Amino acid sequence: MRSVSGRLFVTVINPTFIKSLARRGQLKPYKHGVSTMPGSEGLRLPVVKRSLKGYQSALENAGFWLQSEDIFGTRQVVSAKPGLRQAGKAPIAMLLEGEKSDG
């Protein structure tokens, strides 16, 4: 079997933001553990409730070490998407950075 090395960058909806949507009744069940959240112009976007530990576990099981960083909406983003104001100070996304080394 060939050993692979590399870096992985993933941006996901922050679990804290998803919890804030759930608290405010903004998530709607879809199917198979998937919910939908409000998007632009009435569009519903798919979302899966997953914790930081869940992401860490999945990537660590694939051989990556993991680092995460919360991403907050800037004034410009919140101005363009006023619904984000309802989330308060919750981060809206999370950047996951993983690295996998040979061996």
N, C-alpha and C. Protein backbone atom coordinates (compact mmCIF):
# COMPACT_ATOMS: atom_id res chain seq x y z
N MET A 1 0.84 -1.18 0.00
CA MET A 1 0.00 0.00 0.00
C MET A 1 0.89 1.25 0.00
N ARG A 2 0.52 2.23 -0.76
CA ARG A 2 1.29 3.46 -0.89
C ARG A 2 0.95 4.43 0.24
N SER A 3 1.95 5.05 0.83
CA SER A 3 1.77 6.04 1.89
C SER A 3 1.64 7.42 1.25
N VAL A 4 0.71 8.20 1.69
CA VAL A 4 0.44 9.51 1.11
C VAL A 4 0.64 10.59 2.16
N SER A 5 1.16 11.71 1.74
CA SER A 5 1.26 12.84 2.64
C SER A 5 0.55 14.03 2.00
N GLY A 6 0.13 14.97 2.82
CA GLY A 6 -0.52 16.15 2.27
C GLY A 6 -1.23 16.97 3.31
N ARG A 7 -1.83 18.04 2.85
CA ARG A 7 -2.58 18.95 3.72
C ARG A 7 -4.01 19.01 3.24
N LEU A 8 -4.88 19.23 4.18
CA LEU A 8 -6.31 19.31 3.90
C LEU A 8 -6.86 20.57 4.56
N PHE A 9 -7.60 21.37 3.80
CA PHE A 9 -8.28 22.55 4.34
C PHE A 9 -9.76 22.38 4.06
N VAL A 10 -10.57 22.49 5.10
CA VAL A 10 -12.02 22.33 4.95
C VAL A 10 -12.70 23.46 5.72
N THR A 11 -13.69 24.05 5.12
CA THR A 11 -14.51 25.03 5.83
C THR A 11 -15.90 24.44 5.98
N VAL A 12 -16.41 24.45 7.21
CA VAL A 12 -17.73 23.90 7.51
C VAL A 12 -18.53 24.93 8.30
N ILE A 13 -19.83 24.74 8.32
CA ILE A 13 -20.66 25.59 9.16
C ILE A 13 -20.32 25.26 10.61
N ASN A 14 -20.08 26.26 11.40
CA ASN A 14 -19.64 26.07 12.78
C ASN A 14 -20.73 25.38 13.60
N PRO A 15 -20.38 24.34 14.37
CA PRO A 15 -21.36 23.67 15.21
C PRO A 15 -22.09 24.62 16.17
N THR A 16 -21.41 25.65 16.65
CA THR A 16 -22.06 26.64 17.53
C THR A 16 -23.14 27.40 16.78
N PHE A 17 -22.87 27.74 15.52
CA PHE A 17 -23.86 28.44 14.70
C PHE A 17 -25.06 27.54 14.43
N ILE A 18 -24.81 26.26 14.16
CA ILE A 18 -25.90 25.31 13.93
C ILE A 18 -26.77 25.20 15.18
N LYS A 19 -26.15 25.16 16.35
CA LYS A 19 -26.92 25.13 17.61
C LYS A 19 -27.77 26.38 17.76
N SER A 20 -27.23 27.54 17.36
CA SER A 20 -28.01 28.78 17.47
C SER A 20 -29.20 28.74 16.51
N LEU A 21 -29.00 28.15 15.32
CA LEU A 21 -30.12 28.00 14.38
C LEU A 21 -31.20 27.09 14.98
N ALA A 22 -30.77 26.00 15.59
CA ALA A 22 -31.72 25.04 16.19
C ALA A 22 -32.50 25.71 17.32
N ARG A 23 -31.80 26.46 18.17
CA ARG A 23 -32.47 27.15 19.29
C ARG A 23 -33.55 28.11 18.80
N ARG A 24 -33.28 28.72 17.64
CA ARG A 24 -34.23 29.70 17.09
C ARG A 24 -35.25 29.07 16.15
N GLY A 25 -35.26 27.73 16.06
CA GLY A 25 -36.24 27.05 15.22
C GLY A 25 -36.00 27.21 13.73
N GLN A 26 -34.77 27.49 13.32
CA GLN A 26 -34.45 27.72 11.92
C GLN A 26 -34.08 26.46 11.15
N LEU A 27 -33.83 25.35 11.86
CA LEU A 27 -33.50 24.09 11.18
C LEU A 27 -34.77 23.31 10.92
N LYS A 28 -34.85 22.71 9.74
CA LYS A 28 -35.99 21.85 9.41
C LYS A 28 -35.46 20.47 9.07
N PRO A 29 -36.06 19.41 9.63
CA PRO A 29 -35.60 18.06 9.30
C PRO A 29 -35.79 17.79 7.81
N TYR A 30 -34.83 17.07 7.25
CA TYR A 30 -34.92 16.70 5.84
C TYR A 30 -35.04 15.18 5.75
N LYS A 31 -33.93 14.47 5.77
CA LYS A 31 -33.96 13.00 5.82
C LYS A 31 -32.56 12.48 6.16
N HIS A 32 -32.52 11.27 6.68
CA HIS A 32 -31.27 10.59 7.00
C HIS A 32 -30.34 11.43 7.88
N GLY A 33 -30.88 12.12 8.88
CA GLY A 33 -30.05 12.92 9.78
C GLY A 33 -29.63 14.27 9.24
N VAL A 34 -30.13 14.62 8.07
CA VAL A 34 -29.81 15.91 7.46
C VAL A 34 -30.95 16.87 7.76
N SER A 35 -30.59 18.10 8.06
CA SER A 35 -31.56 19.17 8.24
C SER A 35 -31.29 20.21 7.16
N THR A 36 -32.15 21.20 7.08
CA THR A 36 -31.88 22.32 6.19
C THR A 36 -31.92 23.61 7.00
N MET A 37 -31.15 24.57 6.55
CA MET A 37 -31.10 25.89 7.18
C MET A 37 -31.44 26.93 6.13
N PRO A 38 -31.88 28.12 6.57
CA PRO A 38 -32.22 29.16 5.61
C PRO A 38 -30.99 29.63 4.83
N GLY A 39 -31.19 29.86 3.54
CA GLY A 39 -30.15 30.43 2.68
C GLY A 39 -30.72 31.68 2.02
N SER A 40 -30.09 32.11 0.97
CA SER A 40 -30.53 33.31 0.25
C SER A 40 -31.80 33.06 -0.54
N GLU A 41 -32.64 34.06 -0.61
CA GLU A 41 -33.83 34.07 -1.46
C GLU A 41 -34.71 32.84 -1.29
N GLY A 42 -34.88 32.41 -0.03
CA GLY A 42 -35.78 31.29 0.26
C GLY A 42 -35.18 29.91 0.05
N LEU A 43 -33.95 29.84 -0.42
CA LEU A 43 -33.29 28.56 -0.63
C LEU A 43 -32.97 27.92 0.72
N ARG A 44 -33.19 26.62 0.86
CA ARG A 44 -32.84 25.88 2.07
C ARG A 44 -31.55 25.12 1.80
N LEU A 45 -30.57 25.26 2.67
CA LEU A 45 -29.27 24.61 2.50
C LEU A 45 -29.15 23.41 3.42
N PRO A 46 -28.60 22.29 2.93
CA PRO A 46 -28.46 21.11 3.77
C PRO A 46 -27.39 21.31 4.84
N VAL A 47 -27.63 20.75 6.02
CA VAL A 47 -26.69 20.84 7.12
C VAL A 47 -26.81 19.57 7.97
N VAL A 48 -25.68 19.10 8.46
CA VAL A 48 -25.66 17.94 9.34
C VAL A 48 -25.13 18.42 10.68
N LYS A 49 -25.84 18.08 11.75
CA LYS A 49 -25.38 18.46 13.09
C LYS A 49 -24.20 17.57 13.44
N ARG A 50 -23.05 18.19 13.60
CA ARG A 50 -21.83 17.46 13.93
C ARG A 50 -21.00 18.33 14.87
N SER A 51 -20.39 17.73 15.86
CA SER A 51 -19.57 18.47 16.81
C SER A 51 -18.14 18.59 16.31
N LEU A 52 -17.38 19.49 16.94
CA LEU A 52 -15.96 19.59 16.62
C LEU A 52 -15.30 18.24 16.86
N LYS A 53 -15.68 17.57 17.95
CA LYS A 53 -15.12 16.24 18.23
C LYS A 53 -15.42 15.26 17.10
N GLY A 54 -16.60 15.35 16.52
CA GLY A 54 -16.96 14.49 15.40
C GLY A 54 -16.06 14.71 14.19
N TYR A 55 -15.79 15.99 13.87
CA TYR A 55 -14.88 16.30 12.77
C TYR A 55 -13.47 15.81 13.09
N GLN A 56 -13.02 16.10 14.33
CA GLN A 56 -11.68 15.68 14.74
C GLN A 56 -11.53 14.17 14.62
N SER A 57 -12.48 13.45 15.13
CA SER A 57 -12.44 12.00 15.13
C SER A 57 -12.35 11.45 13.70
N ALA A 58 -13.19 11.98 12.81
CA ALA A 58 -13.20 11.49 11.43
C ALA A 58 -11.84 11.72 10.76
N LEU A 59 -11.27 12.92 10.94
CA LEU A 59 -10.00 13.21 10.29
C LEU A 59 -8.83 12.49 10.95
N GLU A 60 -8.87 12.37 12.27
CA GLU A 60 -7.80 11.64 12.95
C GLU A 60 -7.82 10.16 12.57
N ASN A 61 -9.02 9.60 12.41
CA ASN A 61 -9.13 8.20 11.97
C ASN A 61 -8.59 8.02 10.55
N ALA A 62 -8.59 9.09 9.76
CA ALA A 62 -8.03 9.03 8.41
C ALA A 62 -6.53 9.35 8.40
N GLY A 63 -5.97 9.56 9.61
CA GLY A 63 -4.53 9.77 9.71
C GLY A 63 -4.07 11.22 9.72
N PHE A 64 -4.99 12.17 9.87
CA PHE A 64 -4.62 13.59 9.89
C PHE A 64 -4.52 14.10 11.32
N TRP A 65 -3.57 14.97 11.58
CA TRP A 65 -3.65 15.76 12.80
C TRP A 65 -4.52 16.94 12.42
N LEU A 66 -5.16 17.55 13.37
CA LEU A 66 -6.16 18.56 13.05
C LEU A 66 -6.02 19.79 13.91
N GLN A 67 -6.22 20.92 13.27
CA GLN A 67 -6.24 22.21 13.93
C GLN A 67 -7.52 22.90 13.46
N SER A 68 -8.21 23.61 14.35
CA SER A 68 -9.44 24.29 13.92
C SER A 68 -9.39 25.76 14.32
N GLU A 69 -10.13 26.56 13.56
CA GLU A 69 -10.21 27.99 13.83
C GLU A 69 -11.64 28.46 13.56
N ASP A 70 -12.21 29.19 14.51
CA ASP A 70 -13.54 29.76 14.33
C ASP A 70 -13.47 30.95 13.38
N ILE A 71 -14.49 31.10 12.54
CA ILE A 71 -14.58 32.21 11.60
C ILE A 71 -15.85 32.99 11.90
N PHE A 72 -15.69 34.28 12.10
CA PHE A 72 -16.80 35.15 12.45
C PHE A 72 -17.18 36.01 11.25
N GLY A 73 -18.44 36.41 11.19
CA GLY A 73 -18.91 37.28 10.11
C GLY A 73 -18.35 38.68 10.26
N THR A 74 -17.85 39.23 9.19
CA THR A 74 -17.38 40.62 9.21
C THR A 74 -18.60 41.53 9.13
N ARG A 75 -18.39 42.81 9.33
CA ARG A 75 -19.50 43.78 9.20
C ARG A 75 -20.11 43.72 7.81
N GLN A 76 -19.26 43.57 6.80
CA GLN A 76 -19.76 43.51 5.41
C GLN A 76 -20.64 42.29 5.20
N VAL A 77 -20.22 41.15 5.74
CA VAL A 77 -21.00 39.92 5.58
C VAL A 77 -22.33 40.05 6.30
N VAL A 78 -22.30 40.53 7.53
CA VAL A 78 -23.54 40.69 8.30
C VAL A 78 -24.46 41.73 7.66
N SER A 79 -23.90 42.77 7.07
CA SER A 79 -24.72 43.76 6.36
C SER A 79 -25.39 43.14 5.14
N ALA A 80 -24.65 42.28 4.44
CA ALA A 80 -25.20 41.63 3.24
C ALA A 80 -26.20 40.54 3.60
N LYS A 81 -26.03 39.93 4.75
CA LYS A 81 -26.90 38.83 5.21
C LYS A 81 -27.43 39.18 6.60
N PRO A 82 -28.41 40.07 6.69
CA PRO A 82 -28.89 40.56 7.98
C PRO A 82 -29.38 39.46 8.92
N GLY A 83 -29.81 38.32 8.39
CA GLY A 83 -30.25 37.22 9.23
C GLY A 83 -29.16 36.71 10.16
N LEU A 84 -27.90 36.95 9.80
CA LEU A 84 -26.79 36.51 10.65
C LEU A 84 -26.74 37.27 11.97
N ARG A 85 -27.36 38.42 12.02
CA ARG A 85 -27.38 39.19 13.28
C ARG A 85 -28.05 38.41 14.40
N GLN A 86 -29.01 37.57 14.03
CA GLN A 86 -29.74 36.78 15.03
C GLN A 86 -28.85 35.76 15.73
N ALA A 87 -27.72 35.43 15.15
CA ALA A 87 -26.81 34.45 15.75
C ALA A 87 -25.97 35.07 16.86
N GLY A 88 -26.07 36.38 17.01
CA GLY A 88 -25.29 37.05 18.06
C GLY A 88 -23.80 36.95 17.76
N LYS A 89 -23.06 36.55 18.76
CA LYS A 89 -21.61 36.48 18.62
C LYS A 89 -21.10 35.09 18.24
N ALA A 90 -22.00 34.22 17.82
CA ALA A 90 -21.60 32.86 17.45
C ALA A 90 -20.76 32.90 16.17
N PRO A 91 -19.68 32.10 16.11
CA PRO A 91 -18.92 32.00 14.85
C PRO A 91 -19.79 31.32 13.80
N ILE A 92 -19.69 31.75 12.55
CA ILE A 92 -20.56 31.18 11.52
C ILE A 92 -19.93 30.01 10.78
N ALA A 93 -18.62 29.94 10.80
CA ALA A 93 -17.94 28.85 10.10
C ALA A 93 -16.75 28.39 10.93
N MET A 94 -16.16 27.30 10.47
CA MET A 94 -14.98 26.77 11.13
C MET A 94 -14.03 26.28 10.05
N LEU A 95 -12.79 26.69 10.15
CA LEU A 95 -11.75 26.23 9.24
C LEU A 95 -11.04 25.06 9.91
N LEU A 96 -11.01 23.93 9.22
CA LEU A 96 -10.29 22.76 9.72
C LEU A 96 -9.06 22.58 8.84
N GLU A 97 -7.91 22.50 9.45
CA GLU A 97 -6.67 22.28 8.73
C GLU A 97 -6.07 20.97 9.22
N GLY A 98 -5.81 20.10 8.29
CA GLY A 98 -5.23 18.81 8.66
C GLY A 98 -3.98 18.53 7.86
N GLU A 99 -3.11 17.77 8.44
CA GLU A 99 -1.89 17.37 7.75
C GLU A 99 -1.67 15.89 7.98
N LYS A 100 -1.29 15.23 6.92
CA LYS A 100 -1.03 13.79 6.98
C LYS A 100 0.39 13.58 6.48
N SER A 101 1.16 12.84 7.23
CA SER A 101 2.54 12.62 6.81
C SER A 101 2.76 11.18 6.40
N ASP A 102 3.81 10.96 5.64
CA ASP A 102 4.17 9.60 5.24
C ASP A 102 4.41 8.74 6.47
N GLY A 103 4.03 7.49 6.37
CA GLY A 103 4.34 6.54 7.41
C GLY A 103 3.41 6.57 8.52
